[in-house]
């Protein structure tokens, strides 16, 4: 099964391939993220990863199929006082879309957040039209907690921004 070959690891400079840069500049991949507004280069991605890897309030992992980087997932910014954090994720390699990997890695990141970091709650935001992302969150026990009406300007119209939350006590580990 494909999921047995999926793991999360720290990303290093050697993982920043032309494929990675290409997905970050592929509108279809990033259309439901704020990344669509940026031109990504090797140097910009290296600087971002270096900053995140030094940041005590964020953790970023590569999503690997064997040794092939196919996406990223991040916890942060971590609020140590309230024991909360945001999560965000992207499967950049389209060959791995619709295979359950998003749900699998969100579950893994929840385990890290709740067991290792000892957080009490996670938050994830998604565009109201990003049905796949909503399914990933719901499958992992996240509940719709808020709707920011007409918050996002997308394809020449206003759409809602959904806020999902998951408390540790409701996570089935």
N, C-alpha and C. Protein backbone atom coordinates (compact mmCIF):
# COMPACT_ATOMS: atom_id res chain seq x y z
N UNK A 1 0.84 -1.20 0.00
CA UNK A 1 0.00 0.00 0.00
C UNK A 1 0.88 1.25 0.00
N UNK A 2 0.45 2.25 -0.71
CA UNK A 2 1.23 3.49 -0.87
C UNK A 2 1.49 4.19 0.46
N UNK A 3 0.53 4.17 1.38
CA UNK A 3 0.69 4.90 2.64
C UNK A 3 1.82 4.34 3.49
N UNK A 4 2.15 3.08 3.33
CA UNK A 4 3.27 2.49 4.09
C UNK A 4 4.60 3.09 3.68
N UNK A 5 4.65 3.70 2.51
CA UNK A 5 5.89 4.28 2.01
C UNK A 5 5.94 5.80 2.22
N UNK A 6 4.94 6.34 2.91
CA UNK A 6 4.88 7.78 3.18
C UNK A 6 5.44 8.06 4.57
N UNK A 7 6.35 9.03 4.66
CA UNK A 7 6.84 9.44 5.97
C UNK A 7 7.15 10.93 5.98
N UNK A 8 7.23 11.47 7.17
CA UNK A 8 7.54 12.88 7.38
C UNK A 8 8.97 12.99 7.87
N UNK A 9 9.72 13.89 7.23
CA UNK A 9 11.11 14.13 7.62
C UNK A 9 11.41 15.61 7.46
N UNK A 10 12.42 16.06 8.18
CA UNK A 10 12.89 17.43 8.00
C UNK A 10 13.35 17.59 6.55
N UNK A 11 13.16 18.77 6.02
CA UNK A 11 13.58 19.07 4.66
C UNK A 11 14.94 19.75 4.71
N UNK A 12 15.84 19.33 3.85
CA UNK A 12 17.14 19.99 3.75
C UNK A 12 17.26 20.62 2.36
N UNK A 13 18.32 21.40 2.16
CA UNK A 13 18.54 22.06 0.87
C UNK A 13 18.57 21.06 -0.28
N UNK A 14 19.09 19.86 -0.02
CA UNK A 14 19.18 18.88 -1.11
C UNK A 14 17.80 18.43 -1.60
N UNK A 15 16.77 18.64 -0.78
CA UNK A 15 15.40 18.27 -1.18
C UNK A 15 14.72 19.33 -2.04
N UNK A 16 15.33 20.50 -2.14
CA UNK A 16 14.72 21.58 -2.92
C UNK A 16 15.12 21.38 -4.39
N UNK A 17 14.35 20.57 -5.05
CA UNK A 17 14.62 20.23 -6.45
C UNK A 17 13.83 21.14 -7.37
N UNK A 18 14.11 21.02 -8.64
CA UNK A 18 13.34 21.79 -9.63
C UNK A 18 11.88 21.36 -9.60
N UNK A 19 11.61 20.08 -9.30
CA UNK A 19 10.22 19.62 -9.18
C UNK A 19 9.49 20.38 -8.06
N UNK A 20 10.14 20.51 -6.91
CA UNK A 20 9.56 21.23 -5.77
C UNK A 20 9.25 22.68 -6.18
N UNK A 21 10.21 23.34 -6.77
CA UNK A 21 10.01 24.73 -7.18
C UNK A 21 8.87 24.81 -8.21
N UNK A 22 8.84 23.84 -9.13
CA UNK A 22 7.77 23.83 -10.15
C UNK A 22 6.40 23.73 -9.51
N UNK A 23 6.22 22.86 -8.46
CA UNK A 23 4.87 22.78 -7.89
C UNK A 23 4.49 24.03 -7.18
N UNK A 24 5.47 24.65 -6.53
CA UNK A 24 5.16 25.88 -5.80
C UNK A 24 4.78 27.03 -6.74
N UNK A 25 5.11 26.89 -8.01
CA UNK A 25 4.74 27.88 -9.02
C UNK A 25 3.62 27.38 -9.93
N UNK A 26 3.04 26.23 -9.62
CA UNK A 26 1.97 25.65 -10.43
C UNK A 26 0.62 26.09 -9.83
N UNK A 27 -0.10 26.90 -10.58
CA UNK A 27 -1.35 27.45 -10.07
C UNK A 27 -2.32 26.36 -9.62
N UNK A 28 -2.40 25.26 -10.35
CA UNK A 28 -3.32 24.19 -9.97
C UNK A 28 -2.98 23.63 -8.58
N UNK A 29 -1.70 23.56 -8.25
CA UNK A 29 -1.26 23.03 -6.96
C UNK A 29 -1.54 24.02 -5.83
N UNK A 30 -1.27 25.29 -6.06
CA UNK A 30 -1.33 26.29 -4.97
C UNK A 30 -2.56 27.18 -5.01
N UNK A 31 -3.52 26.88 -5.89
CA UNK A 31 -4.64 27.80 -6.09
C UNK A 31 -5.46 28.08 -4.84
N UNK A 32 -5.54 27.14 -3.90
CA UNK A 32 -6.30 27.36 -2.68
C UNK A 32 -5.40 27.79 -1.51
N UNK A 33 -4.23 28.32 -1.84
CA UNK A 33 -3.30 28.81 -0.81
C UNK A 33 -2.87 30.23 -1.16
N UNK A 34 -2.29 30.89 -0.21
CA UNK A 34 -1.78 32.23 -0.46
C UNK A 34 -0.47 32.18 -1.25
N UNK A 35 0.10 31.00 -1.43
CA UNK A 35 1.34 30.84 -2.19
C UNK A 35 1.18 31.23 -3.65
N UNK A 36 -0.05 31.24 -4.12
CA UNK A 36 -0.28 31.58 -5.53
C UNK A 36 0.12 33.02 -5.86
N UNK A 37 0.29 33.85 -4.86
CA UNK A 37 0.64 35.24 -5.09
C UNK A 37 2.14 35.50 -5.19
N UNK A 38 2.94 34.44 -5.03
CA UNK A 38 4.40 34.59 -4.99
C UNK A 38 5.06 33.84 -6.14
N UNK A 39 6.18 34.38 -6.59
CA UNK A 39 7.03 33.68 -7.54
C UNK A 39 8.09 32.99 -6.69
N UNK A 40 8.12 31.67 -6.73
CA UNK A 40 9.05 30.90 -5.91
C UNK A 40 10.32 30.59 -6.68
N UNK A 41 11.44 30.80 -6.01
CA UNK A 41 12.75 30.48 -6.59
C UNK A 41 13.49 29.56 -5.61
N UNK A 42 14.56 28.97 -6.08
CA UNK A 42 15.41 28.13 -5.22
C UNK A 42 15.82 28.90 -3.98
N UNK A 43 16.31 30.10 -4.17
CA UNK A 43 16.83 30.90 -3.05
C UNK A 43 15.72 31.26 -2.06
N UNK A 44 14.55 31.67 -2.56
CA UNK A 44 13.45 32.03 -1.67
C UNK A 44 12.99 30.83 -0.85
N UNK A 45 12.91 29.67 -1.47
CA UNK A 45 12.49 28.47 -0.73
C UNK A 45 13.55 28.06 0.28
N UNK A 46 14.83 28.13 -0.11
CA UNK A 46 15.91 27.82 0.83
C UNK A 46 15.85 28.75 2.04
N UNK A 47 15.66 30.04 1.80
CA UNK A 47 15.59 31.02 2.90
C UNK A 47 14.40 30.74 3.81
N UNK A 48 13.24 30.43 3.21
CA UNK A 48 12.04 30.11 3.99
C UNK A 48 12.29 28.89 4.88
N UNK A 49 12.83 27.82 4.30
CA UNK A 49 13.06 26.60 5.07
C UNK A 49 14.10 26.81 6.17
N UNK A 50 15.15 27.57 5.86
CA UNK A 50 16.17 27.86 6.87
C UNK A 50 15.55 28.61 8.05
N UNK A 51 14.71 29.59 7.73
CA UNK A 51 14.04 30.37 8.78
C UNK A 51 13.11 29.48 9.60
N UNK A 52 12.31 28.65 8.95
CA UNK A 52 11.37 27.77 9.66
C UNK A 52 12.11 26.73 10.49
N UNK A 53 13.21 26.20 9.98
CA UNK A 53 13.97 25.19 10.73
C UNK A 53 14.65 25.77 11.97
N UNK A 54 14.92 27.08 11.97
CA UNK A 54 15.49 27.74 13.15
C UNK A 54 14.42 28.23 14.12
N UNK A 55 13.21 28.41 13.62
CA UNK A 55 12.10 28.96 14.38
C UNK A 55 11.62 27.96 15.44
N UNK A 56 11.61 28.40 16.68
CA UNK A 56 11.16 27.53 17.78
C UNK A 56 9.64 27.41 17.82
N UNK A 57 8.93 28.23 17.06
CA UNK A 57 7.48 28.24 17.09
C UNK A 57 6.85 27.55 15.88
N UNK A 58 7.67 26.94 15.04
CA UNK A 58 7.16 26.24 13.86
C UNK A 58 7.94 24.97 13.63
N UNK A 59 7.27 24.00 13.06
CA UNK A 59 7.92 22.77 12.59
C UNK A 59 7.43 22.52 11.18
N UNK A 60 8.36 22.32 10.26
CA UNK A 60 7.97 22.01 8.89
C UNK A 60 8.62 20.69 8.50
N UNK A 61 7.82 19.85 7.90
CA UNK A 61 8.29 18.53 7.46
C UNK A 61 8.03 18.36 5.98
N UNK A 62 8.91 17.60 5.36
CA UNK A 62 8.65 17.16 4.01
C UNK A 62 7.79 15.91 4.08
N UNK A 63 6.91 15.76 3.11
CA UNK A 63 6.13 14.53 2.96
C UNK A 63 6.86 13.73 1.89
N UNK A 64 7.39 12.59 2.29
CA UNK A 64 8.20 11.78 1.39
C UNK A 64 7.53 10.46 1.04
N UNK A 65 7.61 10.09 -0.22
CA UNK A 65 7.27 8.74 -0.68
C UNK A 65 8.62 8.10 -0.95
N UNK A 66 8.98 7.13 -0.10
CA UNK A 66 10.36 6.63 -0.07
C UNK A 66 11.26 7.85 0.11
N UNK A 67 12.13 8.16 -0.85
CA UNK A 67 13.01 9.32 -0.71
C UNK A 67 12.58 10.49 -1.59
N UNK A 68 11.42 10.40 -2.20
CA UNK A 68 10.92 11.45 -3.09
C UNK A 68 10.05 12.43 -2.31
N UNK A 69 10.44 13.71 -2.31
CA UNK A 69 9.64 14.75 -1.66
C UNK A 69 8.41 15.01 -2.52
N UNK A 70 7.22 14.84 -1.92
CA UNK A 70 5.97 15.03 -2.68
C UNK A 70 5.09 16.14 -2.11
N UNK A 71 5.48 16.70 -0.97
CA UNK A 71 4.68 17.76 -0.36
C UNK A 71 5.31 18.23 0.94
N UNK A 72 4.61 19.13 1.60
CA UNK A 72 5.08 19.64 2.89
C UNK A 72 3.90 19.77 3.85
N UNK A 73 4.22 19.74 5.13
CA UNK A 73 3.22 19.95 6.17
C UNK A 73 3.88 20.72 7.31
N UNK A 74 3.14 21.68 7.87
CA UNK A 74 3.73 22.57 8.87
C UNK A 74 2.81 22.71 10.08
N UNK A 75 3.44 22.77 11.25
CA UNK A 75 2.78 23.16 12.49
C UNK A 75 3.34 24.53 12.83
N UNK A 76 2.47 25.50 13.07
CA UNK A 76 3.00 26.79 13.50
C UNK A 76 2.15 27.92 12.94
N UNK A 77 2.17 28.89 13.61
CA UNK A 77 2.96 29.30 14.74
C UNK A 77 2.39 28.66 16.03
N UNK A 78 3.28 28.10 16.82
CA UNK A 78 2.90 27.44 18.06
C UNK A 78 2.76 28.49 19.16
N UNK A 79 1.63 28.47 19.84
CA UNK A 79 1.41 29.36 20.98
C UNK A 79 1.62 28.52 22.24
N UNK A 80 2.77 28.72 22.90
CA UNK A 80 3.13 27.92 24.08
C UNK A 80 2.25 28.24 25.29
N UNK A 81 1.70 29.43 25.35
CA UNK A 81 0.85 29.79 26.47
C UNK A 81 -0.48 29.04 26.39
N UNK A 82 -1.11 29.12 25.24
CA UNK A 82 -2.43 28.50 25.07
C UNK A 82 -2.36 27.06 24.57
N UNK A 83 -1.15 26.61 24.19
CA UNK A 83 -0.93 25.24 23.70
C UNK A 83 -1.74 24.97 22.43
N UNK A 84 -1.67 25.93 21.49
CA UNK A 84 -2.38 25.82 20.23
C UNK A 84 -1.42 26.08 19.07
N UNK A 85 -1.84 25.70 17.88
CA UNK A 85 -1.06 25.99 16.67
C UNK A 85 -1.94 25.81 15.44
N UNK A 86 -1.51 26.42 14.36
CA UNK A 86 -2.12 26.20 13.05
C UNK A 86 -1.39 25.05 12.36
N UNK A 87 -2.08 24.40 11.45
CA UNK A 87 -1.41 23.45 10.57
C UNK A 87 -1.73 23.84 9.13
N UNK A 88 -0.79 23.53 8.25
CA UNK A 88 -1.02 23.72 6.82
C UNK A 88 -0.27 22.63 6.08
N UNK A 89 -0.76 22.29 4.92
CA UNK A 89 -0.18 21.16 4.18
C UNK A 89 -0.44 21.32 2.70
N UNK A 90 0.41 20.69 1.92
CA UNK A 90 0.25 20.70 0.47
C UNK A 90 0.87 19.44 -0.11
N UNK A 91 0.12 18.76 -0.95
CA UNK A 91 0.68 17.66 -1.73
C UNK A 91 1.00 18.29 -3.09
N UNK A 92 2.27 18.51 -3.34
CA UNK A 92 2.67 19.22 -4.53
C UNK A 92 2.76 18.35 -5.77
N UNK A 93 3.17 17.12 -5.58
CA UNK A 93 3.32 16.20 -6.71
C UNK A 93 1.95 15.63 -7.07
N UNK A 94 1.43 16.03 -8.22
CA UNK A 94 0.07 15.66 -8.62
C UNK A 94 -0.12 14.15 -8.81
N UNK A 95 0.97 13.43 -9.02
CA UNK A 95 0.86 11.96 -9.13
C UNK A 95 0.39 11.32 -7.84
N UNK A 96 0.43 12.08 -6.74
CA UNK A 96 0.06 11.55 -5.44
C UNK A 96 -1.26 12.15 -4.92
N UNK A 97 -1.98 12.83 -5.77
CA UNK A 97 -3.29 13.37 -5.39
C UNK A 97 -4.32 12.25 -5.35
N UNK A 98 -5.32 12.41 -4.49
CA UNK A 98 -6.46 11.48 -4.39
C UNK A 98 -6.05 10.06 -4.05
N UNK A 99 -5.05 9.94 -3.18
CA UNK A 99 -4.59 8.62 -2.73
C UNK A 99 -4.65 8.48 -1.22
N UNK A 100 -5.28 9.45 -0.54
CA UNK A 100 -5.40 9.39 0.92
C UNK A 100 -4.19 9.92 1.67
N UNK A 101 -3.22 10.47 0.96
CA UNK A 101 -1.99 10.92 1.60
C UNK A 101 -2.24 12.14 2.48
N UNK A 102 -3.08 13.08 2.02
CA UNK A 102 -3.38 14.26 2.83
C UNK A 102 -3.95 13.87 4.18
N UNK A 103 -4.94 12.98 4.17
CA UNK A 103 -5.55 12.52 5.43
C UNK A 103 -4.51 11.81 6.31
N UNK A 104 -3.68 11.00 5.69
CA UNK A 104 -2.66 10.24 6.41
C UNK A 104 -1.66 11.17 7.10
N UNK A 105 -1.16 12.19 6.38
CA UNK A 105 -0.14 13.05 6.98
C UNK A 105 -0.73 14.04 7.98
N UNK A 106 -1.98 14.43 7.78
CA UNK A 106 -2.61 15.29 8.80
C UNK A 106 -2.75 14.50 10.10
N UNK A 107 -3.11 13.25 10.00
CA UNK A 107 -3.18 12.40 11.20
C UNK A 107 -1.81 12.32 11.88
N UNK A 108 -0.77 12.11 11.09
CA UNK A 108 0.59 12.03 11.64
C UNK A 108 0.99 13.35 12.33
N UNK A 109 0.63 14.48 11.71
CA UNK A 109 1.02 15.76 12.29
C UNK A 109 0.22 16.03 13.56
N UNK A 110 -1.02 15.55 13.62
CA UNK A 110 -1.81 15.66 14.85
C UNK A 110 -1.15 14.86 15.97
N UNK A 111 -0.68 13.67 15.66
CA UNK A 111 0.02 12.85 16.67
C UNK A 111 1.25 13.58 17.20
N UNK A 112 2.03 14.17 16.31
CA UNK A 112 3.21 14.93 16.73
C UNK A 112 2.79 16.11 17.60
N UNK A 113 1.78 16.85 17.16
CA UNK A 113 1.34 18.04 17.89
C UNK A 113 0.82 17.70 19.29
N UNK A 114 0.01 16.65 19.37
CA UNK A 114 -0.62 16.33 20.64
C UNK A 114 0.27 15.49 21.56
N UNK A 115 1.04 14.56 21.01
CA UNK A 115 1.86 13.66 21.86
C UNK A 115 3.24 14.25 22.16
N UNK A 116 3.92 14.73 21.11
CA UNK A 116 5.29 15.20 21.28
C UNK A 116 5.36 16.63 21.80
N UNK A 117 4.59 17.53 21.18
CA UNK A 117 4.65 18.94 21.56
C UNK A 117 3.69 19.27 22.70
N UNK A 118 2.76 18.37 22.95
CA UNK A 118 1.80 18.52 24.05
C UNK A 118 0.83 19.69 23.84
N UNK A 119 0.45 19.91 22.59
CA UNK A 119 -0.54 20.95 22.31
C UNK A 119 -1.93 20.46 22.71
N UNK A 120 -2.84 21.39 22.90
CA UNK A 120 -4.21 21.06 23.28
C UNK A 120 -5.20 21.26 22.14
N UNK A 121 -4.81 22.08 21.12
CA UNK A 121 -5.74 22.35 20.03
C UNK A 121 -4.99 22.74 18.78
N UNK A 122 -5.52 22.29 17.64
CA UNK A 122 -4.99 22.66 16.33
C UNK A 122 -6.08 23.36 15.53
N UNK A 123 -5.64 24.27 14.67
CA UNK A 123 -6.53 25.04 13.81
C UNK A 123 -6.03 24.89 12.37
N UNK A 124 -6.97 24.84 11.44
CA UNK A 124 -6.61 24.84 10.01
C UNK A 124 -7.66 25.66 9.27
N UNK A 125 -7.20 26.50 8.37
CA UNK A 125 -8.11 27.29 7.55
C UNK A 125 -8.13 26.77 6.13
N UNK A 126 -9.27 26.94 5.48
CA UNK A 126 -9.39 26.50 4.09
C UNK A 126 -10.41 27.36 3.36
N UNK A 127 -10.20 27.49 2.07
CA UNK A 127 -11.18 28.19 1.25
C UNK A 127 -12.47 27.37 1.24
N UNK A 128 -13.59 28.04 1.18
CA UNK A 128 -14.89 27.33 1.19
C UNK A 128 -15.06 26.42 -0.02
N UNK A 129 -14.33 26.66 -1.08
CA UNK A 129 -14.45 25.81 -2.28
C UNK A 129 -13.39 24.71 -2.33
N UNK A 130 -12.52 24.64 -1.34
CA UNK A 130 -11.47 23.62 -1.29
C UNK A 130 -12.02 22.36 -0.62
N UNK A 131 -12.89 21.67 -1.33
CA UNK A 131 -13.61 20.52 -0.79
C UNK A 131 -12.66 19.41 -0.34
N UNK A 132 -11.62 19.16 -1.11
CA UNK A 132 -10.67 18.10 -0.75
C UNK A 132 -10.02 18.35 0.59
N UNK A 133 -9.61 19.58 0.83
CA UNK A 133 -8.98 19.92 2.10
C UNK A 133 -9.97 19.79 3.26
N UNK A 134 -11.21 20.19 3.02
CA UNK A 134 -12.23 20.04 4.06
C UNK A 134 -12.44 18.57 4.41
N UNK A 135 -12.46 17.71 3.40
CA UNK A 135 -12.63 16.27 3.65
C UNK A 135 -11.47 15.70 4.47
N UNK A 136 -10.25 16.16 4.17
CA UNK A 136 -9.07 15.72 4.93
C UNK A 136 -9.23 16.08 6.40
N UNK A 137 -9.64 17.31 6.66
CA UNK A 137 -9.78 17.77 8.04
C UNK A 137 -10.89 17.03 8.77
N UNK A 138 -12.04 16.92 8.14
CA UNK A 138 -13.19 16.24 8.76
C UNK A 138 -12.85 14.78 9.05
N UNK A 139 -12.18 14.13 8.13
CA UNK A 139 -11.79 12.72 8.32
C UNK A 139 -10.91 12.56 9.56
N UNK A 140 -10.16 13.61 9.90
CA UNK A 140 -9.28 13.57 11.07
C UNK A 140 -9.91 14.14 12.33
N UNK A 141 -11.23 14.40 12.29
CA UNK A 141 -11.93 14.84 13.49
C UNK A 141 -12.05 16.33 13.67
N UNK A 142 -11.51 17.11 12.74
CA UNK A 142 -11.65 18.56 12.84
C UNK A 142 -13.10 18.95 12.62
N UNK A 143 -13.53 19.98 13.33
CA UNK A 143 -14.90 20.50 13.22
C UNK A 143 -14.86 21.92 12.69
N UNK A 144 -15.84 22.26 11.88
CA UNK A 144 -15.97 23.63 11.40
C UNK A 144 -16.34 24.51 12.59
N UNK A 145 -15.49 25.47 12.90
CA UNK A 145 -15.71 26.33 14.06
C UNK A 145 -16.05 27.76 13.68
N UNK A 146 -15.73 28.13 12.47
CA UNK A 146 -16.01 29.51 12.09
C UNK A 146 -16.01 29.70 10.59
N UNK A 147 -16.77 30.68 10.18
CA UNK A 147 -16.81 31.06 8.77
C UNK A 147 -16.57 32.55 8.69
N UNK A 148 -15.50 32.93 8.01
CA UNK A 148 -15.22 34.33 7.76
C UNK A 148 -15.84 34.63 6.40
N UNK A 149 -17.00 35.23 6.44
CA UNK A 149 -17.80 35.43 5.22
C UNK A 149 -17.12 36.41 4.27
N UNK A 150 -17.08 35.97 3.01
CA UNK A 150 -16.52 36.78 1.92
C UNK A 150 -15.11 37.29 2.23
N UNK A 151 -14.34 36.51 2.93
CA UNK A 151 -13.00 36.89 3.36
C UNK A 151 -11.97 36.81 2.23
N UNK A 152 -12.20 35.91 1.29
CA UNK A 152 -11.21 35.60 0.24
C UNK A 152 -11.70 36.10 -1.11
N UNK A 153 -10.80 36.74 -1.84
CA UNK A 153 -11.10 37.13 -3.22
C UNK A 153 -10.48 36.06 -4.13
N UNK A 154 -11.33 35.32 -4.83
CA UNK A 154 -10.85 34.18 -5.63
C UNK A 154 -11.61 34.15 -6.95
N UNK A 155 -10.87 34.12 -8.04
CA UNK A 155 -11.47 34.07 -9.38
C UNK A 155 -12.54 35.14 -9.58
N UNK A 156 -12.19 36.35 -9.20
CA UNK A 156 -13.03 37.53 -9.41
C UNK A 156 -14.34 37.53 -8.63
N UNK A 157 -14.37 36.75 -7.54
CA UNK A 157 -15.54 36.82 -6.66
C UNK A 157 -15.11 36.58 -5.22
N UNK A 158 -15.99 36.91 -4.29
CA UNK A 158 -15.71 36.74 -2.87
C UNK A 158 -16.19 35.36 -2.43
N UNK A 159 -15.37 34.67 -1.66
CA UNK A 159 -15.75 33.37 -1.10
C UNK A 159 -15.42 33.38 0.40
N UNK A 160 -15.95 32.41 1.09
CA UNK A 160 -15.76 32.31 2.54
C UNK A 160 -14.44 31.61 2.88
N UNK A 161 -13.94 31.92 4.06
CA UNK A 161 -12.77 31.24 4.62
C UNK A 161 -13.27 30.42 5.81
N UNK A 162 -13.11 29.11 5.75
CA UNK A 162 -13.56 28.23 6.82
C UNK A 162 -12.41 27.99 7.79
N UNK A 163 -12.75 27.99 9.07
CA UNK A 163 -11.79 27.72 10.14
C UNK A 163 -12.22 26.42 10.83
N UNK A 164 -11.34 25.44 10.78
CA UNK A 164 -11.58 24.15 11.42
C UNK A 164 -10.70 24.03 12.65
N UNK A 165 -11.19 23.35 13.67
CA UNK A 165 -10.42 23.14 14.89
C UNK A 165 -10.53 21.70 15.36
N UNK A 166 -9.50 21.27 16.07
CA UNK A 166 -9.48 19.94 16.67
C UNK A 166 -8.83 20.03 18.04
N UNK A 167 -9.59 19.66 19.05
CA UNK A 167 -9.04 19.61 20.40
C UNK A 167 -8.46 18.23 20.66
N UNK A 168 -7.38 18.20 21.43
CA UNK A 168 -6.71 16.95 21.74
C UNK A 168 -7.68 15.91 22.30
N UNK A 169 -8.58 16.36 23.16
CA UNK A 169 -9.49 15.41 23.82
C UNK A 169 -10.43 14.73 22.83
N UNK A 170 -10.59 15.29 21.65
CA UNK A 170 -11.47 14.68 20.64
C UNK A 170 -10.70 13.93 19.56
N UNK A 171 -9.37 13.97 19.63
CA UNK A 171 -8.55 13.27 18.64
C UNK A 171 -8.46 11.79 18.99
N UNK A 172 -8.79 10.97 18.03
CA UNK A 172 -8.72 9.52 18.25
C UNK A 172 -7.36 9.03 17.77
N UNK A 173 -6.45 8.83 18.75
CA UNK A 173 -5.08 8.44 18.39
C UNK A 173 -4.92 6.95 18.19
